[in-house]
PDB file of N, CA and C in Angstrom:
ATOM      1  N   MET A   1      31.924 119.324  76.107  1.00  0.00           N
ATOM      2  CA  MET A   1      31.434 118.088  75.533  1.00  0.00           C
ATOM      3  C   MET A   1      30.559 117.341  76.538  1.00  0.00           C
ATOM      4  N   LYS A   2      30.865 117.482  77.803  1.00  0.00           N
ATOM      5  CA  LYS A   2      30.095 116.792  78.834  1.00  0.00           C
ATOM      6  C   LYS A   2      28.635 117.236  78.835  1.00  0.00           C
ATOM      7  N   GLU A   3      28.392 118.545  78.642  1.00  0.00           N
ATOM      8  CA  GLU A   3      27.009 119.019  78.634  1.00  0.00           C
ATOM      9  C   GLU A   3      26.255 118.510  77.409  1.00  0.00           C
ATOM     10  N   LEU A   4      26.954 118.335  76.283  1.00  0.00           N
ATOM     11  CA  LEU A   4      26.314 117.768  75.096  1.00  0.00           C
ATOM     12  C   LEU A   4      25.912 116.311  75.357  1.00  0.00           C
ATOM     13  N   GLN A   5      26.805 115.576  75.998  1.00  0.00           N
ATOM     14  CA  GLN A   5      26.510 114.177  76.327  1.00  0.00           C
ATOM     15  C   GLN A   5      25.359 114.075  77.328  1.00  0.00           C
ATOM     16  N   ASN A   6      25.313 115.000  78.276  1.00  0.00           N
ATOM     17  CA  ASN A   6      24.205 115.002  79.241  1.00  0.00           C
ATOM     18  C   ASN A   6      22.876 115.289  78.549  1.00  0.00           C
ATOM     19  N   ARG A   7      22.892 116.189  77.588  1.00  0.00           N
ATOM     20  CA  ARG A   7      21.657 116.483  76.862  1.00  0.00           C
ATOM     21  C   ARG A   7      21.198 115.255  76.073  1.00  0.00           C
ATOM     22  N   ILE A   8      22.142 114.531  75.484  1.00  0.00           N
ATOM     23  CA  ILE A   8      21.792 113.311  74.760  1.00  0.00           C
ATOM     24  C   ILE A   8      21.151 112.299  75.709  1.00  0.00           C
ATOM     25  N   LYS A   9      21.666 112.181  76.915  1.00  0.00           N
ATOM     26  CA  LYS A   9      21.070 111.269  77.903  1.00  0.00           C
ATOM     27  C   LYS A   9      19.627 111.673  78.204  1.00  0.00           C
ATOM     28  N   LYS A  10      19.389 112.980  78.332  1.00  0.00           N
ATOM     29  CA  LYS A  10      18.023 113.462  78.594  1.00  0.00           C
ATOM     30  C   LYS A  10      17.111 113.172  77.404  1.00  0.00           C
ATOM     31  N   ILE A  11      17.642 113.337  76.203  1.00  0.00           N
ATOM     32  CA  ILE A  11      16.863 113.053  74.997  1.00  0.00           C
ATOM     33  C   ILE A  11      16.472 111.577  74.961  1.00  0.00           C
ATOM     34  N   LYS A  12      17.418 110.703  75.275  1.00  0.00           N
ATOM     35  CA  LYS A  12      17.127 109.264  75.288  1.00  0.00           C
ATOM     36  C   LYS A  12      16.026 108.950  76.287  1.00  0.00           C
ATOM     37  N   LYS A  13      16.080 109.603  77.437  1.00  0.00           N
ATOM     38  CA  LYS A  13      15.049 109.369  78.445  1.00  0.00           C
ATOM     39  C   LYS A  13      13.687 109.848  77.936  1.00  0.00           C
ATOM     40  N   GLU A  14      13.659 111.039  77.335  1.00  0.00           N
ATOM     41  CA  GLU A  14      12.399 111.567  76.788  1.00  0.00           C
ATOM     42  C   GLU A  14      11.847 110.652  75.693  1.00  0.00           C
ATOM     43  N   LEU A  15      12.729 110.132  74.846  1.00  0.00           N
ATOM     44  CA  LEU A  15      12.291 109.231  73.784  1.00  0.00           C
ATOM     45  C   LEU A  15      11.657 107.966  74.351  1.00  0.00           C
ATOM     46  N   SER A  16      12.231 107.469  75.442  1.00  0.00           N
ATOM     47  CA  SER A  16      11.699 106.234  76.030  1.00  0.00           C
ATOM     48  C   SER A  16      10.324 106.440  76.655  1.00  0.00           C
ATOM     49  N   GLN A  17       9.949 107.689  76.894  1.00  0.00           N
ATOM     50  CA  GLN A  17       8.669 107.980  77.531  1.00  0.00           C
ATOM     51  C   GLN A  17       7.574 108.374  76.533  1.00  0.00           C
ATOM     52  N   LEU A  18       7.911 108.410  75.257  1.00  0.00           N
ATOM     53  CA  LEU A  18       6.912 108.757  74.255  1.00  0.00           C
ATOM     54  C   LEU A  18       5.872 107.651  74.143  1.00  0.00           C
ATOM     55  N   GLY A  19       4.665 108.055  73.826  1.00  0.00           N
ATOM     56  CA  GLY A  19       3.577 107.091  73.660  1.00  0.00           C
ATOM     57  C   GLY A  19       3.397 106.703  72.207  1.00  0.00           C
ATOM     58  N   ASP A  20       2.197 106.258  71.894  1.00  0.00           N
ATOM     59  CA  ASP A  20       1.873 105.869  70.521  1.00  0.00           C
ATOM     60  C   ASP A  20       2.042 107.076  69.603  1.00  0.00           C
ATOM     61  N   MET A  21       2.537 106.808  68.395  1.00  0.00           N
ATOM     62  CA  MET A  21       2.777 107.909  67.461  1.00  0.00           C
ATOM     63  C   MET A  21       2.502 107.470  66.040  1.00  0.00           C
ATOM     64  N   ARG A  22       2.299 108.472  65.215  1.00  0.00           N
ATOM     65  CA  ARG A  22       2.162 108.245  63.784  1.00  0.00           C
ATOM     66  C   ARG A  22       2.462 109.554  63.071  1.00  0.00           C
ATOM     67  N   PRO A  23       3.036 109.463  61.865  1.00  0.00           N
ATOM     68  CA  PRO A  23       3.283 110.679  61.091  1.00  0.00           C
ATOM     69  C   PRO A  23       1.989 111.148  60.435  1.00  0.00           C
ATOM     70  N   GLY A  24       1.995 112.370  59.987  1.00  0.00           N
ATOM     71  CA  GLY A  24       0.897 112.829  59.159  1.00  0.00           C
ATOM     72  C   GLY A  24       0.284 114.139  59.591  1.00  0.00           C
ATOM     73  N   SER A  25      -0.720 114.506  58.830  1.00  0.00           N
ATOM     74  CA  SER A  25      -1.510 115.679  59.165  1.00  0.00           C
ATOM     75  C   SER A  25      -2.980 115.276  59.067  1.00  0.00           C
ATOM     76  N   LEU A  26      -3.736 115.786  59.996  1.00  0.00           N
ATOM     77  CA  LEU A  26      -5.157 115.458  60.087  1.00  0.00           C
ATOM     78  C   LEU A  26      -5.957 116.658  59.610  1.00  0.00           C
ATOM     79  N   THR A  27      -6.825 116.422  58.663  1.00  0.00           N
ATOM     80  CA  THR A  27      -7.636 117.514  58.139  1.00  0.00           C
ATOM     81  C   THR A  27      -9.094 117.076  58.035  1.00  0.00           C
ATOM     82  N   GLN A  28      -9.953 118.066  58.121  1.00  0.00           N
ATOM     83  CA  GLN A  28     -11.371 117.789  57.926  1.00  0.00           C
ATOM     84  C   GLN A  28     -11.748 118.211  56.512  1.00  0.00           C
ATOM     85  N   GLN A  29     -12.381 117.317  55.805  1.00  0.00           N
ATOM     86  CA  GLN A  29     -12.802 117.544  54.430  1.00  0.00           C
ATOM     87  C   GLN A  29     -14.330 117.550  54.375  1.00  0.00           C
ATOM     88  N   THR A  30     -14.855 117.917  53.245  1.00  0.00           N
ATOM     89  CA  THR A  30     -16.305 117.899  53.070  1.00  0.00           C
ATOM     90  C   THR A  30     -16.656 117.084  51.837  1.00  0.00           C
ATOM     91  N   TYR A  31     -17.482 116.098  52.039  1.00  0.00           N
ATOM     92  CA  TYR A  31     -18.009 115.283  50.951  1.00  0.00           C
ATOM     93  C   TYR A  31     -19.227 116.002  50.397  1.00  0.00           C
ATOM     94  N   LYS A  32     -19.175 116.325  49.112  1.00  0.00           N
ATOM     95  CA  LYS A  32     -20.280 117.068  48.492  1.00  0.00           C
ATOM     96  C   LYS A  32     -20.890 116.238  47.375  1.00  0.00           C
ATOM     97  N   ARG A  33     -22.211 116.224  47.388  1.00  0.00           N
ATOM     98  CA  ARG A  33     -22.933 115.513  46.335  1.00  0.00           C
ATOM     99  C   ARG A  33     -24.282 116.184  46.138  1.00  0.00           C
ATOM    100  N   LYS A  34     -24.466 116.797  45.008  1.00  0.00           N
ATOM    101  CA  LYS A  34     -25.690 117.540  44.674  1.00  0.00           C
ATOM    102  C   LYS A  34     -26.150 118.416  45.835  1.00  0.00           C
ATOM    103  N   ASP A  35     -27.188 118.027  46.525  1.00  0.00           N
ATOM    104  CA  ASP A  35     -27.713 118.831  47.638  1.00  0.00           C
ATOM    105  C   ASP A  35     -27.322 118.268  49.002  1.00  0.00           C
ATOM    106  N   TYR A  36     -26.278 117.453  49.023  1.00  0.00           N
ATOM    107  CA  TYR A  36     -25.884 116.778  50.258  1.00  0.00           C
ATOM    108  C   TYR A  36     -24.421 117.077  50.572  1.00  0.00           C
ATOM    109  N   GLU A  37     -24.137 117.498  51.791  1.00  0.00           N
ATOM    110  CA  GLU A  37     -22.769 117.728  52.247  1.00  0.00           C
ATOM    111  C   GLU A  37     -22.568 117.038  53.577  1.00  0.00           C
ATOM    112  N   ARG A  38     -21.372 116.434  53.729  1.00  0.00           N
ATOM    113  CA  ARG A  38     -21.065 115.744  54.980  1.00  0.00           C
ATOM    114  C   ARG A  38     -19.573 115.912  55.280  1.00  0.00           C
ATOM    115  N   PRO A  39     -19.228 116.397  56.477  1.00  0.00           N
ATOM    116  CA  PRO A  39     -17.809 116.515  56.822  1.00  0.00           C
ATOM    117  C   PRO A  39     -17.227 115.142  57.201  1.00  0.00           C
ATOM    118  N   TYR A  40     -15.942 114.986  56.939  1.00  0.00           N
ATOM    119  CA  TYR A  40     -15.239 113.769  57.353  1.00  0.00           C
ATOM    120  C   TYR A  40     -13.772 114.125  57.614  1.00  0.00           C
ATOM    121  N   TRP A  41     -13.080 113.257  58.340  1.00  0.00           N
ATOM    122  CA  TRP A  41     -11.685 113.470  58.684  1.00  0.00           C
ATOM    123  C   TRP A  41     -10.805 112.525  57.884  1.00  0.00           C
ATOM    124  N   GLN A  42      -9.606 113.016  57.568  1.00  0.00           N
ATOM    125  CA  GLN A  42      -8.623 112.142  56.933  1.00  0.00           C
ATOM    126  C   GLN A  42      -7.235 112.489  57.444  1.00  0.00           C
ATOM    127  N   VAL A  43      -6.386 111.477  57.500  1.00  0.00           N
ATOM    128  CA  VAL A  43      -4.989 111.675  57.875  1.00  0.00           C
ATOM    129  C   VAL A  43      -4.152 111.326  56.644  1.00  0.00           C
ATOM    130  N   SER A  44      -3.228 112.219  56.319  1.00  0.00           N
ATOM    131  CA  SER A  44      -2.347 112.016  55.172  1.00  0.00           C
ATOM    132  C   SER A  44      -0.910 111.976  55.669  1.00  0.00           C
ATOM    133  N   TYR A  45      -0.131 111.050  55.114  1.00  0.00           N
ATOM    134  CA  TYR A  45       1.256 110.916  55.549  1.00  0.00           C
ATOM    135  C   TYR A  45       2.071 110.212  54.480  1.00  0.00           C
ATOM    136  N   THR A  46       3.372 110.258  54.629  1.00  0.00           N
ATOM    137  CA  THR A  46       4.283 109.538  53.752  1.00  0.00           C
ATOM    138  C   THR A  46       5.092 108.578  54.608  1.00  0.00           C
ATOM    139  N   HIS A  47       5.138 107.330  54.179  1.00  0.00           N
ATOM    140  CA  HIS A  47       5.905 106.306  54.885  1.00  0.00           C
ATOM    141  C   HIS A  47       6.517 105.386  53.841  1.00  0.00           C
ATOM    142  N   ASN A  48       7.807 105.096  54.009  1.00  0.00           N
ATOM    143  CA  ASN A  48       8.531 104.268  53.029  1.00  0.00           C
ATOM    144  C   ASN A  48       8.380 104.826  51.610  1.00  0.00           C
ATOM    145  N   HIS A  49       8.479 106.136  51.508  1.00  0.00           N
ATOM    146  CA  HIS A  49       8.425 106.850  50.230  1.00  0.00           C
ATOM    147  C   HIS A  49       7.083 106.708  49.512  1.00  0.00           C
ATOM    148  N   GLN A  50       6.048 106.370  50.247  1.00  0.00           N
ATOM    149  CA  GLN A  50       4.723 106.269  49.659  1.00  0.00           C
ATOM    150  C   GLN A  50       3.757 107.167  50.408  1.00  0.00           C
ATOM    151  N   SER A  51       3.018 107.970  49.656  1.00  0.00           N
ATOM    152  CA  SER A  51       2.005 108.829  50.257  1.00  0.00           C
ATOM    153  C   SER A  51       0.748 108.013  50.505  1.00  0.00           C
ATOM    154  N   LYS A  52       0.154 108.259  51.646  1.00  0.00           N
ATOM    155  CA  LYS A  52      -1.066 107.534  52.024  1.00  0.00           C
ATOM    156  C   LYS A  52      -2.075 108.532  52.570  1.00  0.00           C
ATOM    157  N   THR A  53      -3.333 108.225  52.357  1.00  0.00           N
ATOM    158  CA  THR A  53      -4.422 108.979  52.963  1.00  0.00           C
ATOM    159  C   THR A  53      -5.413 107.965  53.501  1.00  0.00           C
ATOM    160  N   GLU A  54      -5.800 108.163  54.759  1.00  0.00           N
ATOM    161  CA  GLU A  54      -6.729 107.243  55.398  1.00  0.00           C
ATOM    162  C   GLU A  54      -7.876 108.029  56.012  1.00  0.00           C
ATOM    163  N   TYR A  55      -9.041 107.461  55.960  1.00  0.00           N
ATOM    164  CA  TYR A  55     -10.194 108.069  56.609  1.00  0.00           C
ATOM    165  C   TYR A  55     -10.118 107.793  58.102  1.00  0.00           C
ATOM    166  N   VAL A  56     -10.611 108.756  58.898  1.00  0.00           N
ATOM    167  CA  VAL A  56     -10.582 108.642  60.357  1.00  0.00           C
ATOM    168  C   VAL A  56     -12.001 108.840  60.883  1.00  0.00           C
ATOM    169  N   LYS A  57     -12.437 107.899  61.701  1.00  0.00           N
ATOM    170  CA  LYS A  57     -13.761 108.024  62.311  1.00  0.00           C
ATOM    171  C   LYS A  57     -13.731 109.148  63.339  1.00  0.00           C
ATOM    172  N   ASP A  58     -14.867 109.807  63.504  1.00  0.00           N
ATOM    173  CA  ASP A  58     -14.964 110.948  64.416  1.00  0.00           C
ATOM    174  C   ASP A  58     -14.467 110.619  65.826  1.00  0.00           C
ATOM    175  N   ASP A  59     -14.767 109.424  66.314  1.00  0.00           N
ATOM    176  CA  ASP A  59     -14.392 109.083  67.678  1.00  0.00           C
ATOM    177  C   ASP A  59     -12.898 108.807  67.833  1.00  0.00           C
ATOM    178  N   LEU A  60     -12.142 108.762  66.726  1.00  0.00           N
ATOM    179  CA  LEU A  60     -10.698 108.534  66.793  1.00  0.00           C
ATOM    180  C   LEU A  60      -9.875 109.796  66.524  1.00  0.00           C
ATOM    181  N   VAL A  61     -10.536 110.910  66.257  1.00  0.00           N
ATOM    182  CA  VAL A  61      -9.836 112.141  65.885  1.00  0.00           C
ATOM    183  C   VAL A  61      -8.868 112.586  66.982  1.00  0.00           C
ATOM    184  N   GLU A  62      -9.310 112.612  68.222  1.00  0.00           N
ATOM    185  CA  GLU A  62      -8.436 113.074  69.315  1.00  0.00           C
ATOM    186  C   GLU A  62      -7.243 112.146  69.496  1.00  0.00           C
ATOM    187  N   GLN A  63      -7.451 110.854  69.341  1.00  0.00           N
ATOM    188  CA  GLN A  63      -6.348 109.893  69.449  1.00  0.00           C
ATOM    189  C   GLN A  63      -5.317 110.129  68.359  1.00  0.00           C
ATOM    190  N   ILE A  64      -5.783 110.331  67.141  1.00  0.00           N
ATOM    191  CA  ILE A  64      -4.877 110.568  66.015  1.00  0.00           C
ATOM    192  C   ILE A  64      -4.121 111.875  66.216  1.00  0.00           C
ATOM    193  N   LYS A  65      -4.800 112.904  66.691  1.00  0.00           N
ATOM    194  CA  LYS A  65      -4.121 114.179  66.978  1.00  0.00           C
ATOM    195  C   LYS A  65      -2.993 113.977  67.979  1.00  0.00           C
ATOM    196  N   ALA A  66      -3.263 113.232  69.034  1.00  0.00           N
ATOM    197  CA  ALA A  66      -2.249 112.976  70.062  1.00  0.00           C
ATOM    198  C   ALA A  66      -1.075 112.179  69.491  1.00  0.00           C
ATOM    199  N   GLU A  67      -1.366 111.208  68.652  1.00  0.00           N
ATOM    200  CA  GLU A  67      -0.305 110.406  68.040  1.00  0.00           C
ATOM    201  C   GLU A  67       0.569 111.252  67.121  1.00  0.00           C
ATOM    202  N   ILE A  68      -0.031 112.182  66.413  1.00  0.00           N
ATOM    203  CA  ILE A  68       0.731 113.069  65.529  1.00  0.00           C
ATOM    204  C   ILE A  68       1.631 113.987  66.347  1.00  0.00           C
ATOM    205  N   VAL A  69       1.119 114.492  67.471  1.00  0.00           N
ATOM    206  CA  VAL A  69       1.931 115.333  68.363  1.00  0.00           C
ATOM    207  C   VAL A  69       3.134 114.537  68.879  1.00  0.00           C
ATOM    208  N   GLU A  70       2.914 113.289  69.279  1.00  0.00           N
ATOM    209  CA  GLU A  70       4.012 112.450  69.765  1.00  0.00           C
ATOM    210  C   GLU A  70       5.053 112.227  68.671  1.00  0.00           C
ATOM    211  N   TYR A  71       4.592 112.015  67.448  1.00  0.00           N
ATOM    212  CA  TYR A  71       5.524 111.798  66.341  1.00  0.00           C
ATOM    213  C   TYR A  71       6.366 113.049  66.084  1.00  0.00           C
ATOM    214  N   LYS A  72       5.724 114.209  66.133  1.00  0.00           N
ATOM    215  CA  LYS A  72       6.464 115.461  65.931  1.00  0.00           C
ATOM    216  C   LYS A  72       7.521 115.636  67.019  1.00  0.00           C
ATOM    217  N   ARG A  73       7.172 115.284  68.243  1.00  0.00           N
ATOM    218  CA  ARG A  73       8.143 115.368  69.343  1.00  0.00           C
ATOM    219  C   ARG A  73       9.294 114.390  69.101  1.00  0.00           C
ATOM    220  N   PHE A  74       8.970 113.184  68.647  1.00  0.00           N
ATOM    221  CA  PHE A  74       9.988 112.191  68.314  1.00  0.00           C
ATOM    222  C   PHE A  74      10.962 112.746  67.276  1.00  0.00           C
ATOM    223  N   LYS A  75      10.421 113.354  66.219  1.00  0.00           N
ATOM    224  CA  LYS A  75      11.262 113.916  65.169  1.00  0.00           C
ATOM    225  C   LYS A  75      12.156 115.041  65.691  1.00  0.00           C
ATOM    226  N   GLU A  76      11.592 115.903  66.544  1.00  0.00           N
ATOM    227  CA  GLU A  76      12.378 116.998  67.129  1.00  0.00           C
ATOM    228  C   GLU A  76      13.528 116.452  67.969  1.00  0.00           C
ATOM    229  N   LEU A  77      13.222 115.473  68.814  1.00  0.00           N
ATOM    230  CA  LEU A  77      14.239 114.919  69.701  1.00  0.00           C
ATOM    231  C   LEU A  77      15.333 114.200  68.919  1.00  0.00           C
ATOM    232  N   THR A  78      14.956 113.418  67.914  1.00  0.00           N
ATOM    233  CA  THR A  78      15.986 112.700  67.152  1.00  0.00           C
ATOM    234  C   THR A  78      16.833 113.669  66.325  1.00  0.00           C
ATOM    235  N   ALA A  79      16.230 114.728  65.809  1.00  0.00           N
ATOM    236  CA  ALA A  79      17.007 115.728  65.066  1.00  0.00           C
ATOM    237  C   ALA A  79      18.012 116.417  65.990  1.00  0.00           C
ATOM    238  N   GLU A  80      17.565 116.742  67.203  1.00  0.00           N
ATOM    239  CA  GLU A  80      18.474 117.362  68.168  1.00  0.00           C
ATOM    240  C   GLU A  80      19.599 116.406  68.541  1.00  0.00           C
ATOM    241  N   TRP A  81      19.267 115.142  68.730  1.00  0.00           N
ATOM    242  CA  TRP A  81      20.269 114.126  69.071  1.00  0.00           C
ATOM    243  C   TRP A  81      21.339 114.049  67.983  1.00  0.00           C
ATOM    244  N   VAL A  82      20.911 114.017  66.728  1.00  0.00           N
ATOM    245  CA  VAL A  82      21.863 113.954  65.618  1.00  0.00           C
ATOM    246  C   VAL A  82      22.733 115.209  65.598  1.00  0.00           C
ATOM    247  N   ASP A  83      22.155 116.373  65.797  1.00  0.00           N
ATOM    248  CA  ASP A  83      22.939 117.616  65.835  1.00  0.00           C
ATOM    249  C   ASP A  83      24.008 117.559  66.925  1.00  0.00           C
ATOM    250  N   LEU A  84      23.606 117.106  68.106  1.00  0.00           N
ATOM    251  CA  LEU A  84      24.551 117.005  69.213  1.00  0.00           C
ATOM    252  C   LEU A  84      25.635 115.972  68.926  1.00  0.00           C
ATOM    253  N   ALA A  85      25.249 114.844  68.344  1.00  0.00           N
ATOM    254  CA  ALA A  85      26.222 113.804  68.014  1.00  0.00           C
ATOM    255  C   ALA A  85      27.261 114.311  67.020  1.00  0.00           C
ATOM    256  N   ILE A  86      26.822 115.123  66.060  1.00  0.00           N
ATOM    257  CA  ILE A  86      27.754 115.703  65.092  1.00  0.00           C
ATOM    258  C   ILE A  86      28.721 116.650  65.801  1.00  0.00           C
ATOM    259  N   LYS A  87      28.208 117.478  66.700  1.00  0.00           N
ATOM    260  CA  LYS A  87      29.076 118.394  67.454  1.00  0.00           C
ATOM    261  C   LYS A  87      30.101 117.629  68.273  1.00  0.00           C
ATOM    262  N   ILE A  88      29.676 116.571  68.929  1.00  0.00           N
ATOM    263  CA  ILE A  88      30.599 115.758  69.733  1.00  0.00           C
ATOM    264  C   ILE A  88      31.661 115.135  68.842  1.00  0.00           C
ATOM    265  N   SER A  89      31.247 114.606  67.708  1.00  0.00           N
ATOM    266  CA  SER A  89      32.191 114.003  66.773  1.00  0.00           C
ATOM    267  C   SER A  89      33.226 115.014  66.301  1.00  0.00           C
ATOM    268  N   LYS A  90      32.764 116.228  65.975  1.00  0.00           N
ATOM    269  CA  LYS A  90      33.698 117.270  65.530  1.00  0.00           C
ATOM    270  C   LYS A  90      34.672 117.657  66.639  1.00  0.00           C
ATOM    271  N   GLU A  91      34.166 117.725  67.873  1.00  0.00           N
ATOM    272  CA  GLU A  91      35.050 118.036  69.003  1.00  0.00           C
ATOM    273  C   GLU A  91      36.105 116.951  69.183  1.00  0.00           C
ATOM    274  N   LYS A  92      35.715 115.688  69.076  1.00  0.00           N
ATOM    275  CA  LYS A  92      36.663 114.588  69.226  1.00  0.00           C
ATOM    276  C   LYS A  92      37.709 114.641  68.134  1.00  0.00           C
ATOM    277  N   ILE A  93      37.277 114.935  66.919  1.00  0.00           N
ATOM    278  CA  ILE A  93      38.214 115.027  65.787  1.00  0.00           C
ATOM    279  C   ILE A  93      39.200 116.158  65.995  1.00  0.00           C
ATOM    280  N   SER A  94      38.707 117.320  66.432  1.00  0.00           N
ATOM    281  CA  SER A  94      39.599 118.470  66.627  1.00  0.00           C
ATOM    282  C   SER A  94      40.556 118.252  67.797  1.00  0.00           C
ATOM    283  N   MET A  95      40.151 117.451  68.782  1.00  0.00           N
ATOM    284  CA  MET A  95      41.041 117.164  69.933  1.00  0.00           C
ATOM    285  C   MET A  95      42.188 116.261  69.516  1.00  0.00           C
ATOM    286  N   LYS A  96      41.988 115.431  68.496  1.00  0.00           N
ATOM    287  CA  LYS A  96      43.032 114.504  68.032  1.00  0.00           C
ATOM    288  C   LYS A  96      44.044 115.180  67.123  1.00  0.00           C
ATOM    289  N   LYS A  97      43.745 116.373  66.673  1.00  0.00           N
ATOM    290  CA  LYS A  97      44.668 117.065  65.755  1.00  0.00           C
ATOM    291  C   LYS A  97      45.818 117.676  66.501  1.00  0.00           C
TER     292      LYS A  97
END
């Protein structure tokens, strides 16, 4: 159980070091109109049970990519934390039996 608790401490530290984040996926689309085509970027995500799509300016694409990576890391770390917390809880319960 001690190693599980130590891993949770490391997860908390990693979480505190995360930067700006946002959920979503970034894709490049093409605006087509008769004889005219123009690429553009959009980020799509769900927040508070609502799907959203936002346009992204070219100069912000790298920032948005980095924020999405941070969010994915956040989700991975919190999922691992919950898994470990469940294991610890089960161990405590079985020790009391």
